């Protein structure tokens, strides 16, 4: 019995040393920690008439209504359905927090719910005084058993930009990547 306990102790110690050595050689700050795969680009049309709720204890609240649009990627495409909204918070530091909720309808008839949380913050440079930081984290709710069920089981990151013709045809361009 003592031989078994000694053998288990030696095995446990050697396993602990191996795991510690592996962890020590694994640099947590290395650049290849995350890889991504492009999922889609969407042109989301909006109603420019922002509903202003007013000042709250956190900042100015408002809503931008989503009126439609389209999306396309390597493995899915379709329409952005009207009726969603982008709940915005204008923070005292000049940044905006966005919480958009809307629905996508794929060309093969599936409805996918989207929640897109973004931070938009001015980041001017000499070359581009209108430069801004605009990044988001998205989550999806796709039907079980659908070809898009994989979207329920991953993390997604995105960018948010105004469309080039924003003043004539108000829309934002959302680009989405899956973190692998």
Protein backbone atom coordinates (compact mmCIF):
# COMPACT_ATOMS: atom_id res chain seq x y z
CA UNK A 1 0.00 0.00 0.00
CA UNK A 2 2.87 2.34 0.87
CA UNK A 3 4.49 1.59 -2.53
CA UNK A 4 1.26 2.63 -4.29
CA UNK A 5 1.01 5.87 -2.29
CA UNK A 6 4.70 6.67 -3.02
CA UNK A 7 4.20 5.92 -6.73
CA UNK A 8 1.10 8.14 -6.85
CA UNK A 9 2.96 10.92 -5.02
CA UNK A 10 5.90 10.76 -7.43
CA UNK A 11 3.51 10.69 -10.41
CA UNK A 12 1.56 13.70 -9.07
CA UNK A 13 4.74 15.72 -8.47
CA UNK A 14 6.13 14.94 -11.95
CA UNK A 15 2.78 15.84 -13.53
CA UNK A 16 2.70 19.13 -11.61
CA UNK A 17 6.27 19.95 -12.71
CA UNK A 18 5.39 19.17 -16.36
CA UNK A 19 2.27 21.33 -16.30
CA UNK A 20 4.14 24.17 -14.56
CA UNK A 21 6.95 24.03 -17.12
CA UNK A 22 4.46 24.08 -20.00
CA UNK A 23 2.56 27.02 -18.49
CA UNK A 24 5.77 28.97 -17.83
CA UNK A 25 6.87 28.65 -21.47
CA UNK A 26 3.47 29.79 -22.73
CA UNK A 27 3.68 33.59 -22.99
CA UNK A 28 0.21 35.00 -22.20
CA UNK A 29 1.11 38.24 -24.03
CA UNK A 30 2.01 36.66 -27.34
CA UNK A 31 0.35 38.10 -30.44
CA UNK A 32 -1.14 34.82 -31.68
CA UNK A 33 -3.38 34.21 -28.64
CA UNK A 34 -6.53 34.79 -30.71
CA UNK A 35 -7.35 34.05 -34.30
CA UNK A 36 -10.47 35.22 -36.09
CA UNK A 37 -12.53 34.34 -39.14
CA UNK A 38 -14.57 36.88 -41.10
CA UNK A 39 -18.33 36.16 -40.82
CA UNK A 40 -20.17 38.97 -42.64
CA UNK A 41 -20.51 42.63 -43.49
CA UNK A 42 -23.87 44.34 -43.00
CA UNK A 43 -25.22 47.64 -44.22
CA UNK A 44 -27.78 48.53 -41.55
CA UNK A 45 -30.11 51.40 -42.48
CA UNK A 46 -31.28 53.69 -39.72
CA UNK A 47 -33.76 56.45 -39.00
CA UNK A 48 -31.58 59.52 -38.52
CA UNK A 49 -34.23 61.12 -36.30
CA UNK A 50 -32.74 60.04 -32.97
CA UNK A 51 -35.22 59.67 -30.13
CA UNK A 52 -33.70 61.56 -27.21
CA UNK A 53 -34.69 60.28 -23.80
CA UNK A 54 -32.60 62.94 -22.06
CA UNK A 55 -30.00 63.10 -19.33
CA UNK A 56 -29.82 60.25 -16.85
CA UNK A 57 -27.50 59.66 -13.95
CA UNK A 58 -25.12 58.00 -16.44
CA UNK A 59 -25.32 60.46 -19.36
CA UNK A 60 -27.61 61.26 -22.29
CA UNK A 61 -29.86 58.42 -23.39
CA UNK A 62 -31.23 58.06 -26.89
CA UNK A 63 -32.48 55.52 -29.43
CA UNK A 64 -31.79 55.13 -33.15
CA UNK A 65 -34.38 52.92 -34.92
CA UNK A 66 -33.14 50.31 -37.38
CA UNK A 67 -35.12 50.38 -40.65
CA UNK A 68 -33.57 47.47 -42.58
CA UNK A 69 -30.52 46.61 -44.61
CA UNK A 70 -28.64 43.62 -45.92
CA UNK A 71 -25.71 41.39 -44.90
CA UNK A 72 -23.39 39.06 -46.76
CA UNK A 73 -20.53 36.77 -45.80
CA UNK A 74 -18.79 33.58 -46.92
CA UNK A 75 -21.45 31.29 -45.39
CA UNK A 76 -24.57 33.45 -44.88
CA UNK A 77 -26.45 36.34 -46.45
CA UNK A 78 -29.82 37.99 -46.23
CA UNK A 79 -31.75 41.02 -45.00
CA UNK A 80 -31.65 43.06 -41.81
CA UNK A 81 -35.26 43.30 -40.65
CA UNK A 82 -36.77 46.63 -39.69
CA UNK A 83 -37.98 47.16 -36.15
CA UNK A 84 -34.78 46.89 -34.19
CA UNK A 85 -33.12 49.67 -32.27
CA UNK A 86 -29.81 50.97 -31.05
CA UNK A 87 -30.05 52.16 -27.43
CA UNK A 88 -27.29 54.70 -26.91
CA UNK A 89 -25.65 56.29 -23.91
CA UNK A 90 -23.63 59.47 -24.43
CA UNK A 91 -21.14 59.33 -21.56
CA UNK A 92 -19.69 62.37 -19.78
CA UNK A 93 -16.21 61.47 -21.15
CA UNK A 94 -17.38 61.99 -24.76
CA UNK A 95 -17.68 58.29 -25.60
CA UNK A 96 -20.87 56.47 -26.57
CA UNK A 97 -22.04 53.04 -25.45
CA UNK A 98 -24.34 51.36 -27.97
CA UNK A 99 -26.60 48.39 -27.36
CA UNK A 100 -28.28 47.45 -30.63
CA UNK A 101 -30.85 44.66 -30.87
CA UNK A 102 -32.24 43.57 -34.21
CA UNK A 103 -32.94 40.54 -36.40
CA UNK A 104 -31.39 39.07 -39.52
CA UNK A 105 -33.37 36.98 -42.02
CA UNK A 106 -31.14 34.65 -44.02
CA UNK A 107 -31.79 33.98 -47.70
CA UNK A 108 -32.83 30.45 -46.74
CA UNK A 109 -35.50 31.74 -44.36
CA UNK A 110 -33.99 31.57 -40.86
CA UNK A 111 -34.31 34.41 -38.35
CA UNK A 112 -31.21 35.17 -36.27
CA UNK A 113 -31.43 37.61 -33.35
CA UNK A 114 -28.47 39.96 -32.85
CA UNK A 115 -27.23 41.92 -29.86
CA UNK A 116 -24.37 44.25 -30.73
CA UNK A 117 -22.70 46.16 -27.87
CA UNK A 118 -20.24 48.83 -29.00
CA UNK A 119 -18.01 51.57 -27.68
CA UNK A 120 -17.45 54.59 -29.89
CA UNK A 121 -14.89 57.10 -28.71
CA UNK A 122 -13.17 60.05 -30.41
CA UNK A 123 -9.53 59.27 -31.22
CA UNK A 124 -8.36 62.16 -33.42
CA UNK A 125 -4.97 62.15 -35.14
CA UNK A 126 -3.14 64.88 -37.07
CA UNK A 127 -3.89 63.04 -40.31
CA UNK A 128 -7.55 62.39 -39.41
CA UNK A 129 -9.10 64.73 -36.84
CA UNK A 130 -12.42 62.81 -37.13
CA UNK A 131 -10.80 59.46 -36.35
CA UNK A 132 -12.65 57.36 -33.77
CA UNK A 133 -12.46 54.04 -31.98
CA UNK A 134 -15.57 51.99 -32.84
CA UNK A 135 -15.48 48.32 -31.81
CA UNK A 136 -18.17 45.90 -30.68
CA UNK A 137 -18.95 42.51 -29.18
CA UNK A 138 -21.85 40.66 -30.77
CA UNK A 139 -23.96 37.72 -29.66
CA UNK A 140 -26.39 35.76 -31.80
CA UNK A 141 -29.45 33.65 -31.13
CA UNK A 142 -29.92 31.27 -34.05
CA UNK A 143 -32.53 28.50 -34.26
CA UNK A 144 -31.43 25.11 -32.95
CA UNK A 145 -31.05 22.60 -35.76
CA UNK A 146 -30.47 25.35 -38.32
CA UNK A 147 -27.31 25.74 -40.42
CA UNK A 148 -26.53 28.76 -38.20
CA UNK A 149 -26.63 27.01 -34.81
CA UNK A 150 -22.83 27.41 -34.64
CA UNK A 151 -23.39 31.14 -34.03
CA UNK A 152 -24.87 30.31 -30.61
CA UNK A 153 -21.57 28.81 -29.49
CA UNK A 154 -18.91 31.42 -30.22
CA UNK A 155 -17.63 34.91 -29.42
CA UNK A 156 -17.87 37.56 -32.15
CA UNK A 157 -16.13 40.92 -32.51
CA UNK A 158 -17.06 43.73 -34.84
CA UNK A 159 -16.40 47.18 -36.19
CA UNK A 160 -18.90 50.00 -36.68
CA UNK A 161 -18.50 52.65 -39.39
CA UNK A 162 -20.82 55.15 -41.01
CA UNK A 163 -21.61 54.35 -44.64
CA UNK A 164 -19.84 56.60 -47.17
CA UNK A 165 -23.19 58.08 -48.26
CA UNK A 166 -24.48 58.44 -44.68
CA UNK A 167 -25.88 61.95 -45.17
CA UNK A 168 -27.99 60.91 -48.20
CA UNK A 169 -28.85 57.36 -47.10
CA UNK A 170 -28.26 56.93 -43.34
CA UNK A 171 -26.66 53.55 -42.68
CA UNK A 172 -23.86 51.98 -40.69
CA UNK A 173 -21.49 49.28 -41.88
CA UNK A 174 -21.04 46.44 -39.39
CA UNK A 175 -18.23 43.96 -39.99
CA UNK A 176 -18.17 40.78 -37.89
CA UNK A 177 -15.45 38.23 -37.06
CA UNK A 178 -15.70 34.99 -35.10
CA UNK A 179 -13.02 34.42 -32.46
CA UNK A 180 -11.71 30.89 -33.06
